[in-house]
C-alpha cells in the first residue's frame, strides 16, 4: 500500500485507496495518525474524498475519534478541514449534527474552494434528511 501511495503515477494511489476502502471496517482509532499522514501526502480532492469515507467509518464506530475531527476542523491544512466537514456524508439520519455544525462553523467565512465545496456537499446531503436543520444552521451562521 505504501509503495502504491508513494508511486509517481496517480493511478497507483487509486489502487491504494481501493485497498484501504476494502479494509475500512478493520481500522481502529490508533490508525488515525497513519490516515492523517496519507491525507497530507500527495493530497488532492479525489484521495481526500475517499479518505473522508474511511475516516467517517471509524468515527461512526468509535465516537471517541470525533475529537480528531474537531481538531482537524481547525487545522492549518485545508485538506484535513475538508475531511472534518465531509466525513459524515453517507450517515443520513445518523449524522451527528452537533459535530457537523461545529466543524462547519469553525470554517465559516473561508474562501478556499475545496472548503466551500465541502460545506455545500455536506449541507446538501443532510438537507435531504433534515432540511429544517440545515436552514436553521445557515440562518444562525449568517446572523452572527
N, C-alpha and C. Protein backbone atom coordinates (compact mmCIF):
# COMPACT_ATOMS: atom_id res chain seq x y z
N UNK A 1 0.83 -1.18 0.00
CA UNK A 1 0.00 0.00 0.00
C UNK A 1 0.88 1.25 0.00
N UNK A 2 1.88 1.25 0.87
CA UNK A 2 2.80 2.40 0.95
C UNK A 2 3.48 2.66 -0.39
N UNK A 3 3.92 1.59 -1.01
CA UNK A 3 4.61 1.73 -2.30
C UNK A 3 3.68 2.35 -3.35
N UNK A 4 2.44 1.90 -3.36
CA UNK A 4 1.47 2.48 -4.30
C UNK A 4 1.23 3.95 -3.99
N UNK A 5 1.10 4.29 -2.71
CA UNK A 5 0.81 5.68 -2.35
C UNK A 5 1.95 6.61 -2.77
N UNK A 6 3.17 6.14 -2.66
CA UNK A 6 4.34 6.97 -2.96
C UNK A 6 4.71 6.97 -4.44
N UNK A 7 4.11 6.10 -5.22
CA UNK A 7 4.43 5.99 -6.64
C UNK A 7 4.13 7.31 -7.35
N UNK A 8 4.96 7.70 -8.33
CA UNK A 8 4.74 8.98 -9.02
C UNK A 8 3.46 9.02 -9.87
N UNK A 9 2.97 7.88 -10.33
CA UNK A 9 1.74 7.87 -11.12
C UNK A 9 0.52 7.84 -10.21
N UNK A 10 -0.36 8.78 -10.41
CA UNK A 10 -1.56 8.95 -9.57
C UNK A 10 -2.41 7.68 -9.51
N UNK A 11 -2.45 6.95 -10.59
CA UNK A 11 -3.27 5.73 -10.65
C UNK A 11 -2.88 4.72 -9.57
N UNK A 12 -1.63 4.76 -9.15
CA UNK A 12 -1.21 3.85 -8.08
C UNK A 12 -1.83 4.26 -6.74
N UNK A 13 -2.06 5.54 -6.57
CA UNK A 13 -2.77 5.99 -5.37
C UNK A 13 -4.20 5.45 -5.39
N UNK A 14 -4.80 5.37 -6.56
CA UNK A 14 -6.15 4.82 -6.65
C UNK A 14 -6.17 3.36 -6.21
N UNK A 15 -5.15 2.63 -6.57
CA UNK A 15 -5.05 1.23 -6.13
C UNK A 15 -4.96 1.18 -4.60
N UNK A 16 -4.13 2.04 -4.04
CA UNK A 16 -4.00 2.09 -2.57
C UNK A 16 -5.33 2.46 -1.93
N UNK A 17 -6.05 3.42 -2.52
CA UNK A 17 -7.34 3.83 -1.98
C UNK A 17 -8.36 2.70 -2.04
N UNK A 18 -8.36 1.95 -3.13
CA UNK A 18 -9.27 0.80 -3.24
C UNK A 18 -8.97 -0.22 -2.15
N UNK A 19 -7.70 -0.45 -1.92
CA UNK A 19 -7.29 -1.38 -0.86
C UNK A 19 -7.76 -0.87 0.50
N UNK A 20 -7.52 0.39 0.79
CA UNK A 20 -7.94 0.97 2.07
C UNK A 20 -9.46 0.90 2.23
N UNK A 21 -10.17 1.15 1.15
CA UNK A 21 -11.63 1.09 1.20
C UNK A 21 -12.12 -0.32 1.55
N UNK A 22 -11.47 -1.32 0.99
CA UNK A 22 -11.85 -2.72 1.28
C UNK A 22 -11.57 -3.07 2.75
N UNK A 23 -10.59 -2.41 3.34
CA UNK A 23 -10.18 -2.70 4.72
C UNK A 23 -10.81 -1.75 5.75
N UNK A 24 -11.68 -0.84 5.32
CA UNK A 24 -12.13 0.23 6.20
C UNK A 24 -12.81 -0.25 7.48
N UNK A 25 -13.46 -1.39 7.45
CA UNK A 25 -14.12 -1.90 8.65
C UNK A 25 -13.12 -2.44 9.67
N UNK A 26 -11.88 -2.62 9.26
CA UNK A 26 -10.84 -3.12 10.16
C UNK A 26 -10.07 -2.01 10.86
N UNK A 27 -10.25 -0.78 10.42
CA UNK A 27 -9.50 0.33 11.02
C UNK A 27 -9.97 0.62 12.43
N UNK A 28 -9.03 1.07 13.24
CA UNK A 28 -9.27 1.40 14.65
C UNK A 28 -8.79 2.82 14.91
N UNK A 29 -9.13 3.38 16.06
CA UNK A 29 -8.69 4.75 16.39
C UNK A 29 -7.18 4.94 16.27
N UNK A 30 -6.42 3.92 16.59
CA UNK A 30 -4.96 4.06 16.52
C UNK A 30 -4.45 4.21 15.08
N UNK A 31 -5.31 4.01 14.10
CA UNK A 31 -4.92 4.18 12.69
C UNK A 31 -5.04 5.63 12.21
N UNK A 32 -5.58 6.49 13.06
CA UNK A 32 -5.79 7.89 12.64
C UNK A 32 -4.49 8.58 12.24
N UNK A 33 -3.41 8.34 12.96
CA UNK A 33 -2.17 9.04 12.62
C UNK A 33 -1.68 8.66 11.22
N UNK A 34 -1.83 7.39 10.86
CA UNK A 34 -1.42 6.95 9.52
C UNK A 34 -2.34 7.55 8.45
N UNK A 35 -3.63 7.56 8.73
CA UNK A 35 -4.57 8.14 7.77
C UNK A 35 -4.33 9.64 7.60
N UNK A 36 -4.00 10.30 8.70
CA UNK A 36 -3.67 11.73 8.62
C UNK A 36 -2.43 11.93 7.74
N UNK A 37 -1.45 11.08 7.94
CA UNK A 37 -0.22 11.17 7.13
C UNK A 37 -0.55 11.00 5.64
N UNK A 38 -1.41 10.03 5.32
CA UNK A 38 -1.81 9.83 3.93
C UNK A 38 -2.54 11.07 3.39
N UNK A 39 -3.41 11.63 4.22
CA UNK A 39 -4.18 12.81 3.79
C UNK A 39 -3.27 14.00 3.51
N UNK A 40 -2.13 14.03 4.16
CA UNK A 40 -1.22 15.17 3.99
C UNK A 40 -0.09 14.88 3.01
N UNK A 41 -0.16 13.73 2.36
CA UNK A 41 0.87 13.35 1.40
C UNK A 41 0.22 13.19 0.03
N UNK A 42 0.67 13.93 -0.93
CA UNK A 42 0.15 13.86 -2.30
C UNK A 42 -1.36 14.10 -2.31
N UNK A 43 -1.78 15.10 -1.57
CA UNK A 43 -3.21 15.38 -1.40
C UNK A 43 -3.83 15.98 -2.66
N UNK A 44 -5.00 15.49 -2.96
CA UNK A 44 -5.84 16.09 -3.98
C UNK A 44 -7.27 15.67 -3.68
N UNK A 45 -8.25 16.33 -4.27
CA UNK A 45 -9.65 16.11 -3.88
C UNK A 45 -10.07 14.66 -3.97
N UNK A 46 -9.59 13.93 -4.96
CA UNK A 46 -10.05 12.55 -5.15
C UNK A 46 -9.59 11.63 -4.01
N UNK A 47 -8.34 11.77 -3.60
CA UNK A 47 -7.86 10.93 -2.50
C UNK A 47 -8.47 11.38 -1.18
N UNK A 48 -8.63 12.67 -1.00
CA UNK A 48 -9.23 13.21 0.24
C UNK A 48 -10.68 12.74 0.36
N UNK A 49 -11.42 12.76 -0.74
CA UNK A 49 -12.82 12.35 -0.68
C UNK A 49 -12.97 10.86 -0.39
N UNK A 50 -12.02 10.06 -0.80
CA UNK A 50 -12.07 8.64 -0.43
C UNK A 50 -11.65 8.46 1.02
N UNK A 51 -10.65 9.19 1.45
CA UNK A 51 -10.22 9.10 2.85
C UNK A 51 -11.32 9.56 3.80
N UNK A 52 -12.10 10.56 3.41
CA UNK A 52 -13.13 11.01 4.35
C UNK A 52 -14.19 9.94 4.59
N UNK A 53 -14.43 9.10 3.62
CA UNK A 53 -15.38 7.99 3.83
C UNK A 53 -14.81 6.95 4.79
N UNK A 54 -13.53 6.67 4.63
CA UNK A 54 -12.87 5.70 5.52
C UNK A 54 -12.84 6.25 6.94
N UNK A 55 -12.47 7.50 7.08
CA UNK A 55 -12.41 8.14 8.39
C UNK A 55 -13.81 8.26 8.98
N UNK A 56 -14.80 8.51 8.14
CA UNK A 56 -16.19 8.55 8.61
C UNK A 56 -16.63 7.22 9.19
N UNK A 57 -16.17 6.15 8.60
CA UNK A 57 -16.48 4.80 9.11
C UNK A 57 -15.90 4.61 10.51
N UNK A 58 -14.67 5.06 10.69
CA UNK A 58 -14.02 4.92 12.01
C UNK A 58 -14.75 5.77 13.04
N UNK A 59 -15.05 7.02 12.71
CA UNK A 59 -15.71 7.89 13.70
C UNK A 59 -17.11 7.40 14.03
N UNK A 60 -17.75 6.72 13.10
CA UNK A 60 -19.08 6.18 13.37
C UNK A 60 -19.00 5.05 14.40
N UNK A 61 -18.01 4.19 14.26
CA UNK A 61 -17.88 3.04 15.16
C UNK A 61 -17.12 3.36 16.44
N UNK A 62 -16.33 4.41 16.42
CA UNK A 62 -15.52 4.80 17.59
C UNK A 62 -15.77 6.29 17.86
N UNK A 63 -16.85 6.60 18.55
CA UNK A 63 -17.21 8.02 18.78
C UNK A 63 -16.11 8.85 19.43
N UNK A 64 -15.22 8.21 20.17
CA UNK A 64 -14.13 8.97 20.81
C UNK A 64 -13.21 9.63 19.77
N UNK A 65 -13.26 9.15 18.54
CA UNK A 65 -12.40 9.73 17.50
C UNK A 65 -12.98 11.03 16.92
N UNK A 66 -14.19 11.38 17.33
CA UNK A 66 -14.77 12.64 16.85
C UNK A 66 -13.92 13.84 17.27
N UNK A 67 -13.17 13.68 18.36
CA UNK A 67 -12.27 14.76 18.78
C UNK A 67 -11.22 15.06 17.71
N UNK A 68 -10.80 14.02 16.98
CA UNK A 68 -9.87 14.25 15.87
C UNK A 68 -10.52 15.18 14.84
N UNK A 69 -11.79 14.95 14.56
CA UNK A 69 -12.48 15.79 13.57
C UNK A 69 -12.59 17.23 14.06
N UNK A 70 -12.81 17.41 15.35
CA UNK A 70 -12.86 18.77 15.90
C UNK A 70 -11.50 19.45 15.72
N UNK A 71 -10.43 18.71 16.02
CA UNK A 71 -9.07 19.26 15.87
C UNK A 71 -8.76 19.53 14.41
N UNK A 72 -9.08 18.57 13.55
CA UNK A 72 -8.78 18.73 12.13
C UNK A 72 -9.56 19.90 11.54
N UNK A 73 -10.75 20.17 12.05
CA UNK A 73 -11.55 21.27 11.51
C UNK A 73 -10.91 22.63 11.75
N UNK A 74 -9.93 22.66 12.62
CA UNK A 74 -9.21 23.90 12.93
C UNK A 74 -7.78 23.90 12.39
N UNK A 75 -7.40 22.82 11.73
CA UNK A 75 -6.02 22.67 11.27
C UNK A 75 -5.69 23.67 10.16
N UNK A 76 -4.41 23.98 10.07
CA UNK A 76 -3.90 24.84 9.00
C UNK A 76 -4.12 24.21 7.62
N UNK A 77 -4.05 22.89 7.57
CA UNK A 77 -4.16 22.13 6.33
C UNK A 77 -5.64 22.05 5.91
N UNK A 78 -5.99 22.71 4.81
CA UNK A 78 -7.40 22.72 4.41
C UNK A 78 -7.90 21.35 3.99
N UNK A 79 -7.01 20.44 3.61
CA UNK A 79 -7.46 19.09 3.27
C UNK A 79 -7.97 18.37 4.52
N UNK A 80 -7.31 18.56 5.64
CA UNK A 80 -7.81 17.96 6.89
C UNK A 80 -9.14 18.60 7.28
N UNK A 81 -9.25 19.89 7.06
CA UNK A 81 -10.52 20.56 7.36
C UNK A 81 -11.64 20.02 6.46
N UNK A 82 -11.31 19.75 5.20
CA UNK A 82 -12.31 19.18 4.29
C UNK A 82 -12.77 17.81 4.78
N UNK A 83 -11.85 16.98 5.24
CA UNK A 83 -12.22 15.67 5.78
C UNK A 83 -13.14 15.85 6.98
N UNK A 84 -12.79 16.78 7.87
CA UNK A 84 -13.61 17.01 9.07
C UNK A 84 -15.04 17.40 8.68
N UNK A 85 -15.19 18.18 7.64
CA UNK A 85 -16.51 18.63 7.20
C UNK A 85 -17.28 17.51 6.51
N UNK A 86 -16.62 16.75 5.66
CA UNK A 86 -17.31 15.77 4.81
C UNK A 86 -17.33 14.33 5.32
N UNK A 87 -16.71 14.04 6.44
CA UNK A 87 -16.58 12.64 6.84
C UNK A 87 -17.91 11.95 7.17
N UNK A 88 -18.99 12.72 7.35
CA UNK A 88 -20.29 12.12 7.67
C UNK A 88 -21.24 12.08 6.47
N UNK A 89 -20.74 12.31 5.28
CA UNK A 89 -21.60 12.44 4.10
C UNK A 89 -22.64 11.34 3.94
N UNK A 90 -22.29 10.11 4.24
CA UNK A 90 -23.22 9.00 3.98
C UNK A 90 -24.05 8.61 5.20
N UNK A 91 -23.98 9.36 6.28
CA UNK A 91 -24.65 8.98 7.54
C UNK A 91 -26.14 9.26 7.56
N UNK A 92 -26.63 10.13 6.73
CA UNK A 92 -28.05 10.48 6.66
C UNK A 92 -28.62 10.77 8.04
N UNK A 93 -29.63 9.98 8.49
CA UNK A 93 -30.27 10.23 9.79
C UNK A 93 -29.31 10.05 10.96
N UNK A 94 -28.23 9.36 10.75
CA UNK A 94 -27.26 9.08 11.82
C UNK A 94 -26.19 10.16 11.93
N UNK A 95 -26.32 11.22 11.17
CA UNK A 95 -25.36 12.33 11.22
C UNK A 95 -25.35 12.94 12.61
N UNK A 96 -24.16 13.16 13.13
CA UNK A 96 -24.00 13.87 14.40
C UNK A 96 -24.09 15.36 14.06
N UNK A 97 -25.27 15.92 14.23
CA UNK A 97 -25.49 17.31 13.80
C UNK A 97 -24.70 18.31 14.65
N UNK A 98 -24.47 17.98 15.91
CA UNK A 98 -23.65 18.89 16.73
C UNK A 98 -22.24 18.99 16.17
N UNK A 99 -21.69 17.84 15.80
CA UNK A 99 -20.34 17.82 15.23
C UNK A 99 -20.33 18.50 13.86
N UNK A 100 -21.32 18.21 13.04
CA UNK A 100 -21.39 18.84 11.72
C UNK A 100 -21.45 20.36 11.85
N UNK A 101 -22.31 20.85 12.73
CA UNK A 101 -22.42 22.30 12.93
C UNK A 101 -21.10 22.88 13.42
N UNK A 102 -20.44 22.18 14.34
CA UNK A 102 -19.17 22.69 14.88
C UNK A 102 -18.09 22.81 13.82
N UNK A 103 -17.92 21.75 13.01
CA UNK A 103 -16.83 21.78 12.02
C UNK A 103 -17.14 22.78 10.90
N UNK A 104 -18.42 22.95 10.59
CA UNK A 104 -18.77 23.96 9.58
C UNK A 104 -18.56 25.36 10.15
N UNK A 105 -19.04 25.60 11.36
CA UNK A 105 -18.87 26.92 11.97
C UNK A 105 -17.39 27.27 12.16
N UNK A 106 -16.57 26.26 12.44
CA UNK A 106 -15.13 26.50 12.58
C UNK A 106 -14.50 27.00 11.28
N UNK A 107 -15.17 26.76 10.17
CA UNK A 107 -14.61 27.14 8.87
C UNK A 107 -15.45 28.17 8.13
N UNK A 108 -16.48 28.66 8.78
CA UNK A 108 -17.36 29.64 8.14
C UNK A 108 -16.56 30.89 7.77
N UNK A 109 -16.78 31.36 6.56
CA UNK A 109 -16.07 32.55 6.09
C UNK A 109 -14.81 32.22 5.30
N UNK A 110 -14.45 30.95 5.24
CA UNK A 110 -13.28 30.55 4.46
C UNK A 110 -13.56 30.76 2.97
N UNK A 111 -12.54 31.10 2.23
CA UNK A 111 -12.72 31.31 0.79
C UNK A 111 -12.07 30.21 -0.04
N UNK A 112 -11.38 29.29 0.61
CA UNK A 112 -10.76 28.17 -0.11
C UNK A 112 -11.85 27.37 -0.82
N UNK A 113 -11.70 27.20 -2.13
CA UNK A 113 -12.70 26.50 -2.94
C UNK A 113 -13.07 25.14 -2.36
N UNK A 114 -12.08 24.34 -1.97
CA UNK A 114 -12.36 22.98 -1.52
C UNK A 114 -13.08 22.95 -0.17
N UNK A 115 -12.98 24.01 0.59
CA UNK A 115 -13.72 24.11 1.85
C UNK A 115 -15.16 24.54 1.56
N UNK A 116 -15.34 25.53 0.72
CA UNK A 116 -16.71 25.97 0.42
C UNK A 116 -17.48 24.86 -0.30
N UNK A 117 -16.78 24.11 -1.14
CA UNK A 117 -17.42 22.96 -1.81
C UNK A 117 -17.83 21.91 -0.78
N UNK A 118 -16.99 21.69 0.23
CA UNK A 118 -17.31 20.73 1.30
C UNK A 118 -18.56 21.17 2.06
N UNK A 119 -18.67 22.46 2.35
CA UNK A 119 -19.89 22.97 3.01
C UNK A 119 -21.12 22.59 2.20
N UNK A 120 -21.06 22.95 0.93
CA UNK A 120 -22.21 22.71 0.06
C UNK A 120 -22.57 21.24 -0.03
N UNK A 121 -21.56 20.41 -0.15
CA UNK A 121 -21.78 18.98 -0.29
C UNK A 121 -22.41 18.41 0.98
N UNK A 122 -21.84 18.74 2.12
CA UNK A 122 -22.36 18.23 3.40
C UNK A 122 -23.77 18.72 3.67
N UNK A 123 -23.98 20.01 3.49
CA UNK A 123 -25.30 20.57 3.79
C UNK A 123 -26.35 20.10 2.78
N UNK A 124 -25.98 19.99 1.53
CA UNK A 124 -26.93 19.48 0.53
C UNK A 124 -27.33 18.05 0.87
N UNK A 125 -26.34 17.20 1.20
CA UNK A 125 -26.66 15.81 1.54
C UNK A 125 -27.56 15.72 2.77
N UNK A 126 -27.21 16.47 3.81
CA UNK A 126 -28.01 16.38 5.03
C UNK A 126 -29.38 17.04 4.85
N UNK A 127 -29.51 17.99 3.96
CA UNK A 127 -30.82 18.64 3.74
C UNK A 127 -31.84 17.66 3.17
N UNK A 128 -31.38 16.59 2.56
CA UNK A 128 -32.29 15.56 2.05
C UNK A 128 -32.97 14.82 3.21
N UNK A 129 -32.33 14.83 4.37
CA UNK A 129 -32.85 14.16 5.56
C UNK A 129 -33.56 15.16 6.47
N UNK A 130 -32.95 16.33 6.64
CA UNK A 130 -33.46 17.29 7.60
C UNK A 130 -33.26 18.73 7.08
N UNK A 131 -34.09 19.13 6.13
CA UNK A 131 -33.91 20.46 5.54
C UNK A 131 -34.08 21.60 6.55
N UNK A 132 -34.95 21.40 7.53
CA UNK A 132 -35.16 22.46 8.54
C UNK A 132 -33.89 22.72 9.34
N UNK A 133 -33.18 21.65 9.70
CA UNK A 133 -31.93 21.80 10.46
C UNK A 133 -30.92 22.60 9.65
N UNK A 134 -30.78 22.26 8.37
CA UNK A 134 -29.82 22.95 7.50
C UNK A 134 -30.20 24.42 7.38
N UNK A 135 -31.47 24.70 7.13
CA UNK A 135 -31.92 26.09 7.03
C UNK A 135 -31.62 26.86 8.32
N UNK A 136 -31.94 26.24 9.46
CA UNK A 136 -31.71 26.91 10.75
C UNK A 136 -30.22 27.17 10.99
N UNK A 137 -29.37 26.21 10.63
CA UNK A 137 -27.93 26.40 10.79
C UNK A 137 -27.46 27.57 9.93
N UNK A 138 -27.89 27.60 8.69
CA UNK A 138 -27.46 28.68 7.79
C UNK A 138 -27.94 30.04 8.29
N UNK A 139 -29.16 30.11 8.77
CA UNK A 139 -29.67 31.37 9.31
C UNK A 139 -28.85 31.80 10.51
N UNK A 140 -28.58 30.86 11.40
CA UNK A 140 -27.77 31.16 12.60
C UNK A 140 -26.39 31.66 12.21
N UNK A 141 -25.76 31.00 11.25
CA UNK A 141 -24.41 31.40 10.83
C UNK A 141 -24.42 32.77 10.17
N UNK A 142 -25.42 33.04 9.38
CA UNK A 142 -25.47 34.32 8.67
C UNK A 142 -25.79 35.48 9.61
N UNK A 143 -26.53 35.22 10.67
CA UNK A 143 -26.88 36.26 11.64
C UNK A 143 -25.66 36.67 12.46
N UNK A 144 -24.76 35.71 12.72
CA UNK A 144 -23.56 36.00 13.53
C UNK A 144 -22.69 36.91 12.79
